[in-house]
Amino acid sequence: MRATPKRSREADRNPPLLEIYRLMFNRFGHRDWWPGDTPLEIIIGAILTQNTAWKNVEKAIRNLKEAKRLSLKGLREVSERELADVIRPSGYFNQKAKKIKAFLAFLDDRYGGSITKMKRASLEKLRTELLEVNGIGPETADSILLYALDKKVFVVDAYTRRIFARHFYFDPNPGYHEVQARFERELPADAELFNDFHAQIVATGNRYCRRRPRCEGCPLEHLPHRTD
């Protein structure tokens, strides 16, 4: 583990976050993320992706489409038990079925079952409400807000914390809101930028900044970084 004074000096040499985005963008190009044909599909995907790989979410989404359940009407009518069976590939399917049903109850109760009406509410109001829904935590709530509702909120995931802690933007194991606050403070408040920056982070984390890092070829390889 590096000594704190050395880490502080290296942190002082870090480029602005917007430059990090440009480095990633130059490597990967614009990322078409979040995949989904409708806001509802994105919302369901945000719930299903908890604690699983995206390839498993894709299987569950495909099952929902084939069963003609990927609509508000279809999800309302399906029993929780049947829904769990359909989304089984996503893992933790019983819990996720409960979470989807909880979101639907919230949508019906607060917004008359209309995602369009939900989108008109303020970011602050929606975030508070979503965090009160059973099974929706900060990352899921913010994914729904940014990707399905076009709200200006930066999504923080495990890749974000890992990459930027390894490059001395944060101490090891930073908290969700600590990371989010810095990104939102230092970046222009732009939903499209937040969207693509997070997608760039996912690409970098998935290919290079894994639990055991593969630094060679990473777009951030030349920057000061930990190797632990």
Protein backbone atom coordinates (compact mmCIF):
# COMPACT_ATOMS: atom_id res chain seq x y z
CA MET A 1 0.00 0.00 0.00
CA ARG A 2 1.38 3.40 -0.96
CA ALA A 3 1.99 5.99 1.74
CA THR A 4 -0.59 8.74 2.05
CA PRO A 5 1.74 11.67 1.13
CA LYS A 6 2.79 9.99 -2.12
CA ARG A 7 -0.82 9.21 -2.95
CA SER A 8 -1.75 12.85 -2.40
CA ARG A 9 0.98 14.07 -4.77
CA GLU A 10 -0.16 11.62 -7.44
CA ALA A 11 -3.76 12.64 -6.94
CA ASP A 12 -2.76 16.27 -7.54
CA ARG A 13 -1.50 15.29 -11.02
CA ASN A 14 -4.77 13.69 -12.07
CA PRO A 15 -6.39 15.23 -15.16
CA PRO A 16 -9.92 16.65 -14.90
CA LEU A 17 -12.74 14.12 -15.10
CA LEU A 18 -13.78 15.47 -18.49
CA GLU A 19 -10.34 14.57 -19.83
CA ILE A 20 -10.77 11.04 -18.49
CA TYR A 21 -14.02 10.85 -20.43
CA ARG A 22 -12.25 11.97 -23.61
CA LEU A 23 -9.53 9.35 -23.15
CA MET A 24 -12.15 6.62 -22.85
CA PHE A 25 -14.26 8.02 -25.68
CA ASN A 26 -11.24 8.11 -28.00
CA ARG A 27 -10.67 4.42 -27.30
CA PHE A 28 -14.23 3.08 -27.42
CA GLY A 29 -16.25 5.67 -29.34
CA HIS A 30 -19.80 6.58 -28.38
CA ARG A 31 -21.50 3.79 -26.42
CA ASP A 32 -25.14 2.97 -27.14
CA TRP A 33 -26.19 2.51 -23.53
CA TRP A 34 -28.61 1.74 -21.87
CA PRO A 35 -29.94 -0.89 -24.31
CA GLY A 36 -33.72 -0.93 -24.33
CA ASP A 37 -36.55 -0.16 -26.73
CA THR A 38 -38.75 1.68 -24.22
CA PRO A 39 -38.42 3.45 -20.85
CA LEU A 40 -40.24 0.50 -19.26
CA GLU A 41 -37.73 -1.98 -20.66
CA ILE A 42 -34.89 0.15 -19.28
CA ILE A 43 -36.54 0.33 -15.85
CA ILE A 44 -37.07 -3.44 -15.73
CA GLY A 45 -33.49 -3.96 -16.91
CA ALA A 46 -32.20 -1.70 -14.14
CA ILE A 47 -33.91 -3.90 -11.57
CA LEU A 48 -32.87 -7.17 -13.20
CA THR A 49 -29.21 -6.21 -13.47
CA GLN A 50 -28.75 -6.14 -9.70
CA ASN A 51 -26.08 -8.69 -8.71
CA THR A 52 -25.77 -10.28 -12.13
CA ALA A 53 -24.04 -9.93 -15.50
CA TRP A 54 -25.82 -8.10 -18.31
CA LYS A 55 -25.90 -11.24 -20.50
CA ASN A 56 -28.23 -12.79 -17.91
CA VAL A 57 -30.46 -9.72 -17.98
CA GLU A 58 -30.69 -9.99 -21.76
CA LYS A 59 -31.97 -13.56 -21.42
CA ALA A 60 -34.59 -12.49 -18.89
CA ILE A 61 -35.69 -9.56 -21.05
CA ARG A 62 -35.97 -11.87 -24.04
CA ASN A 63 -38.12 -14.24 -21.99
CA LEU A 64 -40.40 -11.37 -20.99
CA LYS A 65 -40.83 -10.35 -24.62
CA GLU A 66 -41.50 -13.89 -25.78
CA ALA A 67 -44.08 -14.32 -23.00
CA LYS A 68 -45.64 -10.97 -24.02
CA ARG A 69 -45.16 -9.66 -20.50
CA LEU A 70 -42.87 -6.68 -21.18
CA SER A 71 -45.63 -4.09 -20.94
CA LEU A 72 -47.35 -2.41 -18.03
CA LYS A 73 -50.48 -4.45 -18.69
CA GLY A 74 -48.55 -7.69 -19.03
CA LEU A 75 -46.56 -7.12 -15.86
CA ARG A 76 -49.65 -6.16 -13.88
CA GLU A 77 -51.54 -9.26 -14.96
CA VAL A 78 -48.80 -11.83 -14.46
CA SER A 79 -48.60 -13.42 -11.03
CA GLU A 80 -45.47 -12.85 -8.99
CA ARG A 81 -44.70 -16.56 -9.14
CA GLU A 82 -44.99 -16.71 -12.92
CA LEU A 83 -42.97 -13.51 -13.29
CA ALA A 84 -40.19 -15.02 -11.18
CA ASP A 85 -40.09 -18.05 -13.45
CA VAL A 86 -39.89 -15.90 -16.59
CA ILE A 87 -36.99 -13.80 -15.25
CA ARG A 88 -35.16 -16.80 -13.78
CA PRO A 89 -31.99 -16.26 -15.91
CA SER A 90 -31.31 -12.98 -14.09
CA GLY A 91 -30.73 -14.72 -10.75
CA TYR A 92 -32.37 -13.83 -7.42
CA PHE A 93 -35.56 -14.12 -9.48
CA ASN A 94 -37.99 -14.37 -6.58
CA GLN A 95 -36.66 -11.16 -5.01
CA LYS A 96 -36.55 -9.39 -8.36
CA ALA A 97 -40.15 -10.35 -9.13
CA LYS A 98 -41.15 -8.71 -5.84
CA LYS A 99 -39.15 -5.61 -6.73
CA ILE A 100 -40.77 -5.31 -10.15
CA LYS A 101 -44.22 -5.65 -8.59
CA ALA A 102 -43.26 -3.04 -5.98
CA PHE A 103 -42.23 -0.62 -8.71
CA LEU A 104 -45.51 -1.17 -10.57
CA ALA A 105 -47.48 -0.50 -7.37
CA PHE A 106 -45.50 2.71 -6.89
CA LEU A 107 -46.09 3.80 -10.49
CA ASP A 108 -49.82 3.11 -10.27
CA ASP A 109 -50.19 4.78 -6.88
CA ARG A 110 -48.12 7.92 -7.47
CA TYR A 111 -48.42 8.48 -11.22
CA GLY A 112 -51.59 6.72 -12.31
CA GLY A 113 -49.56 4.04 -14.05
CA SER A 114 -47.97 6.54 -16.45
CA ILE A 115 -44.22 6.70 -17.01
CA THR A 116 -44.84 9.88 -19.02
CA LYS A 117 -46.35 11.57 -15.94
CA MET A 118 -43.53 10.21 -13.81
CA LYS A 119 -40.98 11.78 -16.16
CA ARG A 120 -42.50 15.23 -15.59
CA ALA A 121 -41.68 15.17 -11.87
CA SER A 122 -38.48 16.75 -10.58
CA LEU A 123 -35.29 14.79 -10.13
CA GLU A 124 -35.25 15.40 -6.38
CA LYS A 125 -38.85 14.27 -5.90
CA LEU A 126 -38.45 11.16 -8.04
CA ARG A 127 -35.20 10.09 -6.41
CA THR A 128 -36.71 10.36 -2.94
CA GLU A 129 -39.76 8.38 -4.05
CA LEU A 130 -37.80 5.66 -5.85
CA LEU A 131 -35.56 5.07 -2.86
CA GLU A 132 -38.70 4.36 -0.83
CA VAL A 133 -39.67 1.51 -3.20
CA ASN A 134 -38.79 -1.92 -1.85
CA GLY A 135 -35.61 -3.23 -3.47
CA ILE A 136 -34.54 -0.02 -5.23
CA GLY A 137 -31.26 1.39 -3.95
CA PRO A 138 -29.20 4.38 -5.12
CA GLU A 139 -27.63 2.77 -8.21
CA THR A 140 -30.92 1.31 -9.47
CA ALA A 141 -32.80 4.54 -8.76
CA ASP A 142 -30.22 6.65 -10.55
CA SER A 143 -30.11 4.25 -13.52
CA ILE A 144 -33.88 4.63 -13.87
CA LEU A 145 -33.64 8.42 -13.53
CA LEU A 146 -30.83 8.86 -16.06
CA TYR A 147 -31.51 6.21 -18.66
CA ALA A 148 -35.30 5.87 -18.62
CA LEU A 149 -36.30 9.40 -17.57
CA ASP A 150 -33.43 11.56 -18.92
CA LYS A 151 -32.70 13.18 -15.55
CA LYS A 152 -29.32 14.77 -14.90
CA VAL A 153 -27.90 12.37 -12.34
CA PHE A 154 -24.60 10.50 -12.50
CA VAL A 155 -24.83 6.74 -11.97
CA VAL A 156 -22.11 5.21 -9.79
CA ASP A 157 -21.39 1.51 -9.96
CA ALA A 158 -18.62 -0.82 -8.76
CA TYR A 159 -16.54 -0.06 -11.86
CA THR A 160 -16.71 3.68 -11.16
CA ARG A 161 -15.50 3.30 -7.59
CA ARG A 162 -12.79 0.81 -8.55
CA ILE A 163 -11.37 2.74 -11.52
CA PHE A 164 -11.25 6.12 -9.85
CA ALA A 165 -9.97 4.81 -6.52
CA ARG A 166 -7.17 3.00 -8.34
CA HIS A 167 -6.28 6.25 -10.08
CA PHE A 168 -6.22 8.22 -6.81
CA TYR A 169 -9.34 10.30 -7.34
CA PHE A 170 -10.64 8.74 -4.11
CA ASP A 171 -9.33 6.75 -1.21
CA PRO A 172 -9.96 2.99 -1.48
CA ASN A 173 -13.61 1.92 -1.15
CA PRO A 174 -15.25 5.35 -1.53
CA GLY A 175 -18.95 5.75 -0.77
CA TYR A 176 -21.62 6.05 -3.45
CA HIS A 177 -22.59 9.65 -2.69
CA GLU A 178 -18.98 10.78 -2.30
CA VAL A 179 -18.20 9.62 -5.84
CA GLN A 180 -21.44 10.91 -7.30
CA ALA A 181 -21.03 14.34 -5.72
CA ARG A 182 -17.59 14.82 -7.24
CA PHE A 183 -18.71 13.81 -10.74
CA GLU A 184 -21.75 16.05 -10.60
CA ARG A 185 -19.71 18.93 -9.19
CA GLU A 186 -16.91 18.77 -11.76
CA LEU A 187 -18.81 17.84 -14.94
CA PRO A 188 -21.29 19.92 -16.96
CA ALA A 189 -24.84 19.01 -15.96
CA ASP A 190 -25.67 17.12 -19.14
CA ALA A 191 -27.69 13.90 -19.21
CA GLU A 192 -26.13 12.75 -22.50
CA LEU A 193 -22.63 13.25 -21.09
CA PHE A 194 -23.52 11.45 -17.85
CA ASN A 195 -25.00 8.63 -19.91
CA ASP A 196 -22.02 8.10 -22.18
CA PHE A 197 -19.40 8.67 -19.47
CA HIS A 198 -20.92 5.93 -17.36
CA ALA A 199 -21.02 3.68 -20.44
CA GLN A 200 -17.32 4.39 -21.06
CA ILE A 201 -16.58 3.47 -17.45
CA VAL A 202 -18.43 0.18 -17.86
CA ALA A 203 -16.42 -0.62 -21.00
CA THR A 204 -13.13 0.22 -19.28
CA GLY A 205 -14.01 -1.70 -16.15
CA ASN A 206 -15.26 -4.75 -18.00
CA ARG A 207 -12.22 -5.00 -20.25
CA TYR A 208 -9.38 -3.72 -18.10
CA CYS A 209 -10.11 -2.59 -14.55
CA ARG A 210 -11.31 -5.87 -13.15
CA ARG A 211 -10.78 -7.07 -9.60
CA ARG A 212 -7.37 -8.17 -10.84
CA PRO A 213 -6.47 -5.28 -13.15
CA ARG A 214 -5.29 -5.74 -16.74
CA CYS A 215 -3.57 -2.39 -17.21
CA GLU A 216 -1.87 -3.04 -20.55
CA GLY A 217 -3.88 -1.37 -23.28
CA CYS A 218 -6.22 0.47 -20.90
CA PRO A 219 -6.99 4.04 -22.05
CA LEU A 220 -5.87 5.22 -18.57
CA GLU A 221 -2.72 3.09 -18.42
CA HIS A 222 -0.38 6.09 -18.54
CA LEU A 223 -1.96 7.76 -15.50
CA PRO A 224 -0.70 7.18 -11.93
CA HIS A 225 -2.47 4.14 -10.54
CA ARG A 226 -2.45 1.45 -7.89
CA THR A 227 -1.98 -2.10 -9.04
CA ASP A 228 -3.76 -3.72 -6.06
